[in-house]
Amino acid sequence: MFTFLALGFVLVVLAIALAVIGVHALLLGHMPGRWLQQRVRQPRFWGAGAILVLISWNLHSPSLLVVGAGLIAIGHAAKPPR
């Protein structure tokens, strides 16, 4: 019983952190922290994908989950426009 409660708490904390970082990236156009700034090339795509992943978790929608994961991958791989 305690294990499930602890796991649920960890999942909620991770979801809140993902939402905060996603909104930060989407609105401001850059990632917080040096580690994320070095790995994410397109922060707005990454932020939109992170928010879609959270929405899909709430709506139980696998299609939104796939689109969100794709946007996160594009945020990591796509080169920024010059």
N, C-alpha and C. Protein backbone atom coordinates (compact mmCIF):
# COMPACT_ATOMS: atom_id res chain seq x y z
N MET A 1 0.83 -1.20 0.00
CA MET A 1 0.00 0.00 0.00
C MET A 1 0.86 1.25 0.00
N PHE A 2 1.87 1.26 0.89
CA PHE A 2 2.74 2.44 0.97
C PHE A 2 3.54 2.63 -0.32
N THR A 3 3.91 1.53 -0.97
CA THR A 3 4.69 1.60 -2.21
C THR A 3 3.89 2.29 -3.30
N PHE A 4 2.61 1.96 -3.42
CA PHE A 4 1.77 2.59 -4.44
C PHE A 4 1.57 4.07 -4.14
N LEU A 5 1.44 4.42 -2.89
CA LEU A 5 1.30 5.82 -2.50
C LEU A 5 2.57 6.59 -2.84
N ALA A 6 3.71 6.01 -2.55
CA ALA A 6 4.98 6.67 -2.87
C ALA A 6 5.17 6.80 -4.37
N LEU A 7 4.83 5.76 -5.12
CA LEU A 7 4.93 5.81 -6.57
C LEU A 7 3.99 6.86 -7.16
N GLY A 8 2.79 6.93 -6.65
CA GLY A 8 1.84 7.95 -7.10
C GLY A 8 2.34 9.35 -6.82
N PHE A 9 2.94 9.54 -5.65
CA PHE A 9 3.49 10.86 -5.31
C PHE A 9 4.62 11.24 -6.25
N VAL A 10 5.49 10.29 -6.56
CA VAL A 10 6.60 10.55 -7.48
C VAL A 10 6.08 10.90 -8.88
N LEU A 11 5.06 10.19 -9.34
CA LEU A 11 4.48 10.48 -10.65
C LEU A 11 3.85 11.86 -10.70
N VAL A 12 3.18 12.25 -9.65
CA VAL A 12 2.56 13.59 -9.61
C VAL A 12 3.63 14.68 -9.61
N VAL A 13 4.69 14.47 -8.85
CA VAL A 13 5.77 15.46 -8.81
C VAL A 13 6.44 15.56 -10.18
N LEU A 14 6.68 14.43 -10.86
CA LEU A 14 7.26 14.46 -12.19
C LEU A 14 6.34 15.13 -13.20
N ALA A 15 5.04 14.90 -13.09
CA ALA A 15 4.09 15.54 -14.00
C ALA A 15 4.09 17.05 -13.80
N ILE A 16 4.14 17.50 -12.57
CA ILE A 16 4.17 18.94 -12.31
C ILE A 16 5.46 19.55 -12.83
N ALA A 17 6.58 18.87 -12.62
CA ALA A 17 7.86 19.38 -13.13
C ALA A 17 7.86 19.43 -14.66
N LEU A 18 7.32 18.41 -15.32
CA LEU A 18 7.24 18.41 -16.77
C LEU A 18 6.34 19.53 -17.28
N ALA A 19 5.24 19.79 -16.58
CA ALA A 19 4.35 20.87 -16.98
C ALA A 19 5.03 22.23 -16.84
N VAL A 20 5.72 22.43 -15.75
CA VAL A 20 6.39 23.72 -15.53
C VAL A 20 7.48 23.94 -16.57
N ILE A 21 8.31 22.92 -16.83
CA ILE A 21 9.38 23.06 -17.81
C ILE A 21 8.79 23.22 -19.22
N GLY A 22 7.71 22.51 -19.51
CA GLY A 22 7.07 22.63 -20.83
C GLY A 22 6.50 24.00 -21.08
N VAL A 23 5.81 24.56 -20.10
CA VAL A 23 5.25 25.91 -20.25
C VAL A 23 6.38 26.93 -20.35
N HIS A 24 7.42 26.76 -19.57
CA HIS A 24 8.57 27.66 -19.62
C HIS A 24 9.19 27.65 -21.02
N ALA A 25 9.40 26.47 -21.57
CA ALA A 25 10.00 26.35 -22.89
C ALA A 25 9.08 26.90 -23.98
N LEU A 26 7.79 26.63 -23.86
CA LEU A 26 6.85 27.07 -24.87
C LEU A 26 6.69 28.59 -24.88
N LEU A 27 6.60 29.20 -23.73
CA LEU A 27 6.36 30.64 -23.66
C LEU A 27 7.63 31.47 -23.85
N LEU A 28 8.74 31.04 -23.26
CA LEU A 28 9.95 31.85 -23.29
C LEU A 28 10.92 31.48 -24.41
N GLY A 29 10.79 30.29 -24.96
CA GLY A 29 11.63 29.90 -26.08
C GLY A 29 13.02 29.41 -25.71
N HIS A 30 13.27 29.14 -24.46
CA HIS A 30 14.53 28.53 -24.05
C HIS A 30 14.28 27.62 -22.86
N MET A 31 15.21 26.68 -22.69
CA MET A 31 15.05 25.69 -21.63
C MET A 31 15.73 26.17 -20.35
N PRO A 32 15.19 25.85 -19.20
CA PRO A 32 15.85 26.20 -17.94
C PRO A 32 17.01 25.24 -17.67
N GLY A 33 18.07 25.77 -17.13
CA GLY A 33 19.20 24.92 -16.77
C GLY A 33 20.15 24.67 -17.92
N ARG A 34 21.40 24.48 -17.60
CA ARG A 34 22.43 24.28 -18.62
C ARG A 34 22.28 22.92 -19.30
N TRP A 35 21.95 21.88 -18.54
CA TRP A 35 21.87 20.54 -19.10
C TRP A 35 20.80 20.45 -20.20
N LEU A 36 19.61 20.99 -19.94
CA LEU A 36 18.54 20.96 -20.95
C LEU A 36 18.85 21.89 -22.11
N GLN A 37 19.49 23.02 -21.87
CA GLN A 37 19.82 23.94 -22.96
C GLN A 37 20.80 23.31 -23.93
N GLN A 38 21.68 22.46 -23.44
CA GLN A 38 22.65 21.81 -24.32
C GLN A 38 22.02 20.70 -25.15
N ARG A 39 20.95 20.11 -24.69
CA ARG A 39 20.38 18.95 -25.37
C ARG A 39 19.15 19.25 -26.22
N VAL A 40 18.45 20.33 -25.94
CA VAL A 40 17.23 20.64 -26.69
C VAL A 40 17.54 21.77 -27.66
N ARG A 41 17.32 21.49 -28.95
CA ARG A 41 17.62 22.49 -29.98
C ARG A 41 16.43 23.39 -30.28
N GLN A 42 15.23 22.86 -30.20
CA GLN A 42 14.00 23.62 -30.45
C GLN A 42 13.12 23.56 -29.21
N PRO A 43 13.29 24.50 -28.28
CA PRO A 43 12.56 24.43 -27.01
C PRO A 43 11.05 24.56 -27.16
N ARG A 44 10.57 25.31 -28.14
CA ARG A 44 9.11 25.46 -28.28
C ARG A 44 8.46 24.16 -28.71
N PHE A 45 9.09 23.42 -29.62
CA PHE A 45 8.57 22.10 -29.98
C PHE A 45 8.59 21.18 -28.77
N TRP A 46 9.68 21.20 -28.02
CA TRP A 46 9.81 20.35 -26.85
C TRP A 46 8.73 20.69 -25.82
N GLY A 47 8.50 21.97 -25.58
CA GLY A 47 7.49 22.38 -24.61
C GLY A 47 6.09 21.98 -25.03
N ALA A 48 5.78 22.15 -26.32
CA ALA A 48 4.46 21.74 -26.82
C ALA A 48 4.28 20.23 -26.68
N GLY A 49 5.33 19.47 -26.96
CA GLY A 49 5.26 18.02 -26.82
C GLY A 49 5.08 17.59 -25.38
N ALA A 50 5.78 18.26 -24.47
CA ALA A 50 5.66 17.91 -23.05
C ALA A 50 4.24 18.16 -22.55
N ILE A 51 3.65 19.26 -22.98
CA ILE A 51 2.28 19.56 -22.56
C ILE A 51 1.30 18.57 -23.17
N LEU A 52 1.51 18.19 -24.44
CA LEU A 52 0.63 17.19 -25.06
C LEU A 52 0.75 15.83 -24.37
N VAL A 53 1.93 15.47 -23.94
CA VAL A 53 2.10 14.19 -23.22
C VAL A 53 1.29 14.21 -21.93
N LEU A 54 1.34 15.33 -21.22
CA LEU A 54 0.56 15.43 -19.98
C LEU A 54 -0.95 15.42 -20.24
N ILE A 55 -1.37 16.10 -21.29
CA ILE A 55 -2.80 16.10 -21.63
C ILE A 55 -3.25 14.69 -22.03
N SER A 56 -2.40 13.98 -22.78
CA SER A 56 -2.78 12.63 -23.19
C SER A 56 -2.88 11.69 -22.00
N TRP A 57 -2.04 11.92 -20.98
CA TRP A 57 -2.12 11.10 -19.78
C TRP A 57 -3.45 11.34 -19.07
N ASN A 58 -3.90 12.58 -19.06
CA ASN A 58 -5.16 12.92 -18.40
C ASN A 58 -6.36 12.41 -19.20
N LEU A 59 -6.29 12.48 -20.52
CA LEU A 59 -7.42 12.07 -21.36
C LEU A 59 -7.37 10.60 -21.79
N HIS A 60 -6.29 9.89 -21.43
CA HIS A 60 -6.10 8.49 -21.81
C HIS A 60 -6.13 8.33 -23.34
N SER A 61 -5.40 9.21 -24.03
CA SER A 61 -5.38 9.23 -25.49
C SER A 61 -4.00 8.82 -26.00
N PRO A 62 -3.87 7.63 -26.58
CA PRO A 62 -2.57 7.20 -27.10
C PRO A 62 -2.12 8.02 -28.30
N SER A 63 -3.06 8.53 -29.10
CA SER A 63 -2.65 9.32 -30.26
C SER A 63 -2.00 10.63 -29.84
N LEU A 64 -2.54 11.29 -28.83
CA LEU A 64 -1.91 12.51 -28.33
C LEU A 64 -0.55 12.21 -27.71
N LEU A 65 -0.42 11.05 -27.08
CA LEU A 65 0.86 10.65 -26.51
C LEU A 65 1.92 10.50 -27.59
N VAL A 66 1.56 9.89 -28.71
CA VAL A 66 2.50 9.69 -29.81
C VAL A 66 2.88 11.04 -30.44
N VAL A 67 1.90 11.92 -30.63
CA VAL A 67 2.20 13.24 -31.19
C VAL A 67 3.09 14.03 -30.25
N GLY A 68 2.82 13.97 -28.96
CA GLY A 68 3.65 14.67 -27.98
C GLY A 68 5.07 14.13 -27.94
N ALA A 69 5.21 12.81 -27.98
CA ALA A 69 6.55 12.21 -27.99
C ALA A 69 7.29 12.58 -29.27
N GLY A 70 6.56 12.66 -30.38
CA GLY A 70 7.18 13.09 -31.63
C GLY A 70 7.66 14.52 -31.57
N LEU A 71 6.87 15.40 -30.98
CA LEU A 71 7.30 16.79 -30.84
C LEU A 71 8.50 16.92 -29.91
N ILE A 72 8.55 16.12 -28.87
CA ILE A 72 9.73 16.14 -28.00
C ILE A 72 10.95 15.66 -28.78
N ALA A 73 10.81 14.63 -29.60
CA ALA A 73 11.93 14.15 -30.39
C ALA A 73 12.38 15.20 -31.41
N ILE A 74 11.43 15.89 -32.03
CA ILE A 74 11.77 16.97 -32.97
C ILE A 74 12.49 18.08 -32.25
N GLY A 75 12.07 18.39 -31.03
CA GLY A 75 12.74 19.41 -30.25
C GLY A 75 14.18 19.07 -29.96
N HIS A 76 14.49 17.79 -29.84
CA HIS A 76 15.87 17.37 -29.62
C HIS A 76 16.67 17.32 -30.91
N ALA A 77 16.04 16.96 -32.03
CA ALA A 77 16.80 16.65 -33.25
C ALA A 77 16.84 17.80 -34.26
N ALA A 78 15.80 18.59 -34.37
CA ALA A 78 15.73 19.61 -35.42
C ALA A 78 16.70 20.75 -35.14
N LYS A 79 17.37 21.17 -36.21
CA LYS A 79 18.29 22.29 -36.08
C LYS A 79 17.49 23.60 -36.11
N PRO A 80 17.87 24.57 -35.31
CA PRO A 80 17.13 25.84 -35.30
C PRO A 80 17.31 26.59 -36.61
N PRO A 81 16.28 27.33 -37.04
CA PRO A 81 16.41 28.10 -38.29
C PRO A 81 17.41 29.25 -38.12
N ARG A 82 18.03 29.60 -39.20
CA ARG A 82 19.04 30.68 -39.15
C ARG A 82 18.53 31.94 -39.75
